[in-house]
Amino acid sequence: MASQDWFDKDFYKTLGVSKDVTDADLKKTYRKLARKYHPDSNQGDEKAEAKFKEISEAYSVLSDAEQRKEYDEIRAMGSGARFTANGSGAGFEDVFSRFGQQGRGQQQSADFEDIFAMFNQGQGGSFGSGRFGQPSGGFRGFGGPQKGADVTARTTLDFATAVQGETITLQGEDGKPFKVKIPAGVADGQKIRLRGRGRPSPDGGDSGDIVVQIAVRPHPVFTREGLNLRVVVPVTFTEAALGATIEVPTLGGDTVKLRVAPGTPSGRVLRVKGRGVTTAKGTGDLLAELQVAVPSHLDDEAREALEKFQALEPSENPRADLMAKARR
């Protein structure tokens, strides 16, 4: 920081706090401003980045009790003084006069460290040592406290648990259990972030997060398509040809009845509204995909009946359209 800045920069005003602000209120105010002006939230905004640097610089001084005391003393003794290179305005003598020196007759070749030394005798510190106004890390080197490290945890859920949601217990890296609320509709590969539950900050900042990576076991019957659930439902040839009312399972365990229209082809999908995945974004449907099941064994009577049907069925070739399209 240039010598002039010691007197020109009002760190309390920069943060919008009073001189008697408590450490807790100071930290709370800084966090609010840091979130607002952080470069990650203001891509390409040079004014926001400059503001972020200002508040980080101010907090790095005021959050340190020793530096805050020195800053207050410097500001108090230098109130109204100006440092200039060309002799215009008041010089260092205005400051030294407050220490009982004669003032106006002093040379202006004094270094700012001469002032700092008056406060640091026996402490081994100076402005150039990085004690005052130097960033403490974090936030891309702009200063301010660093956030603690994130901790990664993994868990595998049953399909139904992932769809319906549940509170589960996991073991932390310190061996202690912690609870995780699994929201309804969590998907395979999704991550759940528990803010402030990770490792502590090394310098008084926010703690890191616990990031829980979710894996979901496949279900033997249902698959998921966004908010919809899909189930493949076998139907007999006669059900598909003549029509029928069938029962279809749902994820909750109960069944719903669906009407299969006469002449329904294999692969047709029937929709059951509102029986899919329910989340804050909405509720999906249950998609019942019908597949005609061909019997693998026929007794003589059944075979004879089918042969009679074959002789009576329309002479249409079901593959005629396929062949025509393939020739194009």
Protein backbone atom coordinates (compact mmCIF):
# COMPACT_ATOMS: atom_id res chain seq x y z
CA MET A 1 0.00 0.00 0.00
CA ALA A 2 1.44 3.43 -0.91
CA SER A 3 1.95 5.85 1.95
CA GLN A 4 -0.81 8.11 0.73
CA ASP A 5 -3.30 5.22 0.88
CA TRP A 6 -2.85 4.83 4.61
CA PHE A 7 -4.69 8.06 5.07
CA ASP A 8 -6.92 8.07 2.01
CA LYS A 9 -8.45 4.61 2.37
CA ASP A 10 -11.21 4.31 4.93
CA PHE A 11 -11.57 0.57 5.47
CA TYR A 12 -14.60 1.02 7.72
CA LYS A 13 -16.37 2.99 5.02
CA THR A 14 -15.36 0.43 2.39
CA LEU A 15 -17.13 -2.30 4.36
CA GLY A 16 -19.96 -0.02 5.49
CA VAL A 17 -19.40 -0.60 9.21
CA SER A 18 -18.79 1.62 12.22
CA LYS A 19 -15.41 1.87 13.96
CA ASP A 20 -16.73 -0.05 16.96
CA VAL A 21 -18.04 -2.97 14.86
CA THR A 22 -17.70 -6.33 16.56
CA ASP A 23 -15.64 -9.14 15.04
CA ALA A 24 -18.80 -11.18 14.42
CA ASP A 25 -20.61 -8.34 12.62
CA LEU A 26 -17.46 -7.51 10.66
CA LYS A 27 -17.17 -11.08 9.44
CA LYS A 28 -20.87 -11.28 8.60
CA THR A 29 -20.70 -8.04 6.60
CA TYR A 30 -17.58 -9.13 4.74
CA ARG A 31 -19.07 -12.48 3.73
CA LYS A 32 -22.17 -10.74 2.36
CA LEU A 33 -20.10 -8.31 0.30
CA ALA A 34 -17.68 -11.02 -0.84
CA ARG A 35 -20.52 -13.11 -2.21
CA LYS A 36 -21.96 -10.09 -4.00
CA TYR A 37 -18.75 -8.92 -5.66
CA HIS A 38 -16.81 -12.18 -6.06
CA PRO A 39 -15.28 -12.46 -9.58
CA ASP A 40 -16.86 -15.88 -10.08
CA SER A 41 -20.28 -14.25 -9.78
CA ASN A 42 -19.38 -11.24 -11.92
CA GLN A 43 -17.51 -12.62 -14.91
CA GLY A 44 -15.90 -9.82 -16.92
CA ASP A 45 -17.09 -7.07 -14.57
CA GLU A 46 -13.97 -5.04 -13.81
CA LYS A 47 -15.78 -2.74 -11.38
CA ALA A 48 -17.01 -5.70 -9.34
CA GLU A 49 -13.52 -7.19 -9.28
CA ALA A 50 -12.02 -3.89 -8.13
CA LYS A 51 -14.67 -3.62 -5.41
CA PHE A 52 -13.92 -7.18 -4.33
CA LYS A 53 -10.24 -6.34 -3.97
CA GLU A 54 -11.10 -3.28 -1.88
CA ILE A 55 -13.34 -5.14 0.56
CA SER A 56 -10.86 -8.03 0.82
CA GLU A 57 -8.04 -5.62 1.58
CA ALA A 58 -10.16 -3.85 4.18
CA TYR A 59 -11.22 -7.08 5.87
CA SER A 60 -7.69 -8.50 5.92
CA VAL A 61 -6.66 -5.53 8.07
CA LEU A 62 -9.73 -5.04 10.26
CA SER A 63 -10.16 -8.74 11.02
CA ASP A 64 -6.67 -8.87 12.56
CA ALA A 65 -6.76 -7.31 16.03
CA GLU A 66 -3.16 -6.10 15.95
CA GLN A 67 -3.34 -4.68 12.44
CA ARG A 68 -6.68 -3.04 13.20
CA LYS A 69 -5.17 -1.30 16.24
CA GLU A 70 -2.21 -0.05 14.19
CA TYR A 71 -4.50 1.11 11.41
CA ASP A 72 -6.72 3.02 13.84
CA GLU A 73 -3.69 4.72 15.38
CA ILE A 74 -2.24 5.63 12.01
CA ARG A 75 -5.57 7.03 10.85
CA ALA A 76 -6.02 8.96 14.07
CA MET A 77 -2.63 10.62 14.00
CA GLY A 78 -2.70 11.22 10.27
CA SER A 79 -6.23 12.58 9.98
CA GLY A 80 -6.22 15.37 7.45
CA ALA A 81 -2.57 14.88 6.42
CA ARG A 82 -1.57 14.46 2.79
CA PHE A 83 1.56 12.91 1.39
CA THR A 84 2.85 14.52 -1.78
CA ALA A 85 5.98 14.20 -3.87
CA ASN A 86 6.08 17.79 -5.12
CA GLY A 87 5.76 19.62 -1.83
CA SER A 88 2.17 20.72 -2.33
CA GLY A 89 -0.05 20.17 0.65
CA ALA A 90 0.99 18.97 4.07
CA GLY A 91 3.91 16.55 4.38
CA PHE A 92 5.23 13.99 6.81
CA GLU A 93 5.95 16.73 9.32
CA ASP A 94 2.18 16.96 9.96
CA VAL A 95 2.29 13.40 11.17
CA PHE A 96 5.52 13.61 13.11
CA SER A 97 4.30 16.72 14.88
CA ARG A 98 1.80 14.49 16.64
CA PHE A 99 4.71 12.64 18.18
CA GLY A 100 6.11 15.82 19.75
CA GLN A 101 8.47 16.72 16.94
CA GLN A 102 8.69 20.21 15.49
CA GLY A 103 6.76 19.47 12.31
CA ARG A 104 7.11 21.98 9.50
CA GLY A 105 10.92 22.11 9.67
CA GLN A 106 11.37 18.37 9.09
CA GLN A 107 12.60 16.99 5.78
CA GLN A 108 10.10 15.12 3.66
CA SER A 109 12.47 12.28 2.87
CA ALA A 110 11.07 10.14 5.68
CA ASP A 111 9.89 6.71 4.68
CA PHE A 112 6.57 5.30 5.62
CA GLU A 113 8.37 2.55 7.53
CA ASP A 114 9.67 5.26 9.86
CA ILE A 115 6.08 5.83 10.92
CA PHE A 116 5.32 2.16 11.14
CA ALA A 117 8.41 1.56 13.24
CA MET A 118 6.98 3.78 15.93
CA PHE A 119 4.25 1.20 16.44
CA ASN A 120 6.34 -1.91 15.85
CA GLN A 121 9.30 -1.48 18.19
CA GLY A 122 9.94 -4.80 19.79
CA GLN A 123 7.50 -6.50 17.43
CA GLY A 124 9.78 -7.00 14.45
CA GLY A 125 7.18 -5.87 11.94
CA SER A 126 7.03 -3.24 9.24
CA PHE A 127 4.86 -2.30 6.32
CA GLY A 128 7.17 -4.08 3.93
CA SER A 129 7.06 -7.33 5.87
CA GLY A 130 3.62 -8.24 4.61
CA ARG A 131 1.92 -7.74 7.95
CA PHE A 132 -0.29 -4.82 7.05
CA GLY A 133 -2.62 -4.89 4.08
CA GLN A 134 -1.23 -8.11 2.65
CA PRO A 135 -3.61 -10.77 1.39
CA SER A 136 -3.92 -13.88 3.50
CA GLY A 137 -4.91 -16.09 0.60
CA GLY A 138 -8.21 -17.36 -0.72
CA PHE A 139 -10.49 -15.83 -3.32
CA ARG A 140 -7.88 -16.05 -6.11
CA GLY A 141 -5.29 -14.20 -4.06
CA PHE A 142 -7.40 -11.08 -3.59
CA GLY A 143 -7.19 -11.45 0.18
CA GLY A 144 -9.72 -12.41 2.80
CA PRO A 145 -10.05 -15.71 4.62
CA GLN A 146 -9.85 -18.98 2.76
CA LYS A 147 -12.71 -21.44 2.61
CA GLY A 148 -12.00 -24.82 4.17
CA ALA A 149 -11.46 -27.87 1.97
CA ASP A 150 -14.41 -29.87 0.65
CA VAL A 151 -14.78 -33.50 1.66
CA THR A 152 -16.12 -36.12 -0.76
CA ALA A 153 -18.39 -38.95 0.36
CA ARG A 154 -20.08 -41.68 -1.69
CA THR A 155 -23.22 -43.71 -1.19
CA THR A 156 -25.26 -46.18 -3.22
CA LEU A 157 -29.05 -46.02 -2.99
CA ASP A 158 -31.81 -48.42 -3.88
CA PHE A 159 -33.86 -47.29 -6.86
CA ALA A 160 -36.97 -46.69 -4.74
CA THR A 161 -35.02 -44.66 -2.15
CA ALA A 162 -33.63 -42.41 -4.87
CA VAL A 163 -37.08 -41.83 -6.35
CA GLN A 164 -38.99 -41.31 -3.11
CA GLY A 165 -36.27 -39.62 -1.01
CA GLU A 166 -35.11 -40.44 2.48
CA THR A 167 -32.78 -39.33 5.28
CA ILE A 168 -29.77 -41.64 5.53
CA THR A 169 -26.74 -41.81 7.83
CA LEU A 170 -23.17 -41.85 6.51
CA GLN A 171 -19.82 -41.97 8.27
CA GLY A 172 -17.55 -38.95 8.02
CA GLU A 173 -13.79 -39.03 7.50
CA ASP A 174 -13.38 -38.48 11.23
CA GLY A 175 -15.39 -41.62 11.90
CA LYS A 176 -18.40 -39.76 13.20
CA PRO A 177 -21.82 -40.39 11.62
CA PHE A 178 -23.73 -37.61 9.92
CA LYS A 179 -27.18 -37.49 8.35
CA VAL A 180 -27.93 -36.66 4.73
CA LYS A 181 -31.40 -35.77 3.46
CA ILE A 182 -31.81 -37.40 0.07
CA PRO A 183 -34.31 -35.34 -1.94
CA ALA A 184 -37.00 -37.18 -3.88
CA GLY A 185 -35.94 -37.80 -7.44
CA VAL A 186 -32.16 -37.78 -6.96
CA ALA A 187 -30.51 -39.27 -10.05
CA ASP A 188 -27.62 -41.64 -10.55
CA GLY A 189 -24.38 -39.65 -10.66
CA GLN A 190 -25.88 -36.60 -8.95
CA LYS A 191 -24.02 -34.78 -6.17
CA ILE A 192 -25.52 -33.44 -2.95
CA ARG A 193 -23.62 -30.59 -1.28
CA LEU A 194 -23.82 -30.14 2.49
CA ARG A 195 -22.58 -26.59 2.99
CA GLY A 196 -20.31 -25.83 5.91
CA ARG A 197 -19.92 -29.51 6.89
CA GLY A 198 -16.43 -30.01 5.46
CA ARG A 199 -13.00 -29.14 6.83
CA PRO A 200 -12.57 -25.89 8.78
CA SER A 201 -10.93 -22.83 7.27
CA PRO A 202 -7.25 -22.30 8.15
CA ASP A 203 -7.76 -18.59 8.77
CA GLY A 204 -11.27 -17.99 10.09
CA GLY A 205 -13.24 -18.28 6.86
CA ASP A 206 -16.16 -20.52 6.02
CA SER A 207 -15.79 -24.24 6.50
CA GLY A 208 -15.75 -26.40 3.39
CA ASP A 209 -18.60 -28.59 2.23
CA ILE A 210 -19.31 -32.30 2.19
CA VAL A 211 -20.03 -33.39 -1.38
CA VAL A 212 -21.98 -36.66 -1.49
CA GLN A 213 -21.79 -38.52 -4.80
CA ILE A 214 -24.87 -40.63 -5.47
CA ALA A 215 -25.00 -43.98 -7.23
CA VAL A 216 -28.38 -45.66 -7.81
CA ARG A 217 -28.84 -49.41 -8.13
CA PRO A 218 -30.85 -50.54 -11.18
CA HIS A 219 -34.39 -51.76 -10.54
CA PRO A 220 -35.39 -55.17 -11.90
CA VAL A 221 -38.63 -53.77 -13.37
CA PHE A 222 -38.54 -49.98 -13.66
CA THR A 223 -36.20 -47.63 -15.48
CA ARG A 224 -36.14 -43.86 -15.26
CA GLU A 225 -36.50 -41.32 -18.05
CA GLY A 226 -36.31 -37.88 -16.50
CA LEU A 227 -39.37 -37.64 -14.26
CA ASN A 228 -41.05 -40.59 -15.99
CA LEU A 229 -40.82 -44.24 -15.00
CA ARG A 230 -40.92 -46.92 -17.70
CA VAL A 231 -42.02 -50.52 -17.26
CA VAL A 232 -42.22 -53.22 -19.93
CA VAL A 233 -45.52 -55.13 -19.65
CA PRO A 234 -45.97 -58.47 -21.45
CA VAL A 235 -49.38 -59.14 -23.05
CA THR A 236 -50.60 -62.27 -24.80
CA PHE A 237 -51.32 -62.41 -28.49
CA THR A 238 -55.03 -62.69 -27.86
CA GLU A 239 -54.99 -59.73 -25.42
CA ALA A 240 -53.28 -57.59 -28.02
CA ALA A 241 -55.48 -58.82 -30.87
CA LEU A 242 -58.85 -58.89 -29.14
CA GLY A 243 -58.31 -56.25 -26.48
CA ALA A 244 -58.23 -56.67 -22.70
CA THR A 245 -58.00 -54.91 -19.34
CA ILE A 246 -54.70 -55.69 -17.63
CA GLU A 247 -52.99 -54.83 -14.33
CA VAL A 248 -49.70 -52.93 -14.31
CA PRO A 249 -47.39 -52.55 -11.28
CA THR A 250 -46.31 -49.18 -9.90
CA LEU A 251 -43.15 -48.35 -7.94
CA GLY A 252 -45.15 -47.94 -4.74
CA GLY A 253 -46.23 -51.60 -4.87
CA ASP A 254 -49.88 -51.20 -5.81
CA THR A 255 -51.26 -51.81 -9.31
CA VAL A 256 -53.25 -49.82 -11.82
CA LYS A 257 -55.61 -51.16 -14.50
CA LEU A 258 -55.07 -50.31 -18.14
CA ARG A 259 -57.27 -50.93 -21.16
CA VAL A 260 -55.52 -52.56 -24.10
CA ALA A 261 -57.40 -51.73 -27.28
CA PRO A 262 -58.07 -54.48 -29.85
CA GLY A 263 -55.28 -54.71 -32.42
CA THR A 264 -52.64 -53.14 -30.17
CA PRO A 265 -49.16 -53.71 -31.65
CA SER A 266 -46.15 -54.77 -29.64
CA GLY A 267 -44.17 -51.74 -28.40
CA ARG A 268 -47.15 -49.42 -27.92
CA VAL A 269 -46.81 -47.24 -24.80
CA LEU A 270 -49.71 -46.54 -22.48
CA ARG A 271 -49.36 -43.59 -20.11
CA VAL A 272 -50.49 -43.46 -16.48
CA LYS A 273 -50.56 -39.82 -15.39
CA GLY A 274 -48.88 -38.80 -12.14
CA ARG A 275 -47.38 -42.16 -11.24
CA GLY A 276 -43.77 -41.27 -12.04
CA VAL A 277 -41.11 -39.39 -10.07
CA THR A 278 -42.27 -36.47 -7.91
CA THR A 279 -39.82 -33.59 -7.29
CA ALA A 280 -39.99 -29.87 -6.68
CA LYS A 281 -39.93 -29.43 -10.46
CA GLY A 282 -43.03 -31.53 -11.05
CA THR A 283 -44.38 -35.07 -11.29
CA GLY A 284 -43.76 -37.52 -14.09
CA ASP A 285 -45.87 -40.35 -15.49
CA LEU A 286 -45.67 -44.12 -15.62
CA LEU A 287 -45.02 -45.36 -19.16
CA ALA A 288 -46.23 -48.92 -19.73
CA GLU A 289 -44.60 -50.37 -22.85
CA LEU A 290 -46.59 -53.36 -24.13
CA GLN A 291 -44.70 -56.33 -25.51
CA VAL A 292 -46.57 -59.23 -27.12
CA ALA A 293 -45.39 -62.44 -25.48
CA VAL A 294 -45.12 -65.39 -27.89
CA PRO A 295 -45.75 -68.77 -26.24
CA SER A 296 -42.72 -71.04 -26.39
CA HIS A 297 -44.73 -74.26 -26.03
CA LEU A 298 -48.04 -75.20 -27.69
CA ASP A 299 -50.07 -78.34 -27.16
CA ASP A 300 -51.69 -80.05 -30.14
CA GLU A 301 -55.05 -78.38 -29.62
CA ALA A 302 -53.57 -74.89 -29.42
CA ARG A 303 -51.39 -75.50 -32.47
CA GLU A 304 -54.37 -76.73 -34.47
CA ALA A 305 -56.37 -73.63 -33.49
CA LEU A 306 -53.54 -71.35 -34.60
CA GLU A 307 -53.18 -73.14 -37.89
CA LYS A 308 -56.88 -72.60 -38.53
CA PHE A 309 -56.44 -68.90 -37.69
CA GLN A 310 -53.47 -68.67 -40.03
CA ALA A 311 -55.61 -69.92 -42.85
CA LEU A 312 -58.20 -67.26 -42.09
CA GLU A 313 -55.99 -64.23 -41.27
CA PRO A 314 -55.65 -61.41 -43.81
CA SER A 315 -53.05 -61.96 -46.49
CA GLU A 316 -51.34 -58.65 -45.72
CA ASN A 317 -47.56 -58.72 -45.45
CA PRO A 318 -46.63 -56.84 -42.24
CA ARG A 319 -43.11 -56.27 -43.64
CA ALA A 320 -44.19 -54.72 -46.95
CA ASP A 321 -43.78 -51.13 -45.72
CA LEU A 322 -40.39 -51.93 -44.23
CA MET A 323 -39.14 -53.37 -47.52
CA ALA A 324 -40.42 -50.39 -49.50
CA LYS A 325 -38.64 -47.91 -47.26
CA ALA A 326 -35.43 -49.94 -47.37
CA ARG A 327 -35.29 -49.63 -51.17
CA ARG A 328 -35.39 -45.82 -51.14
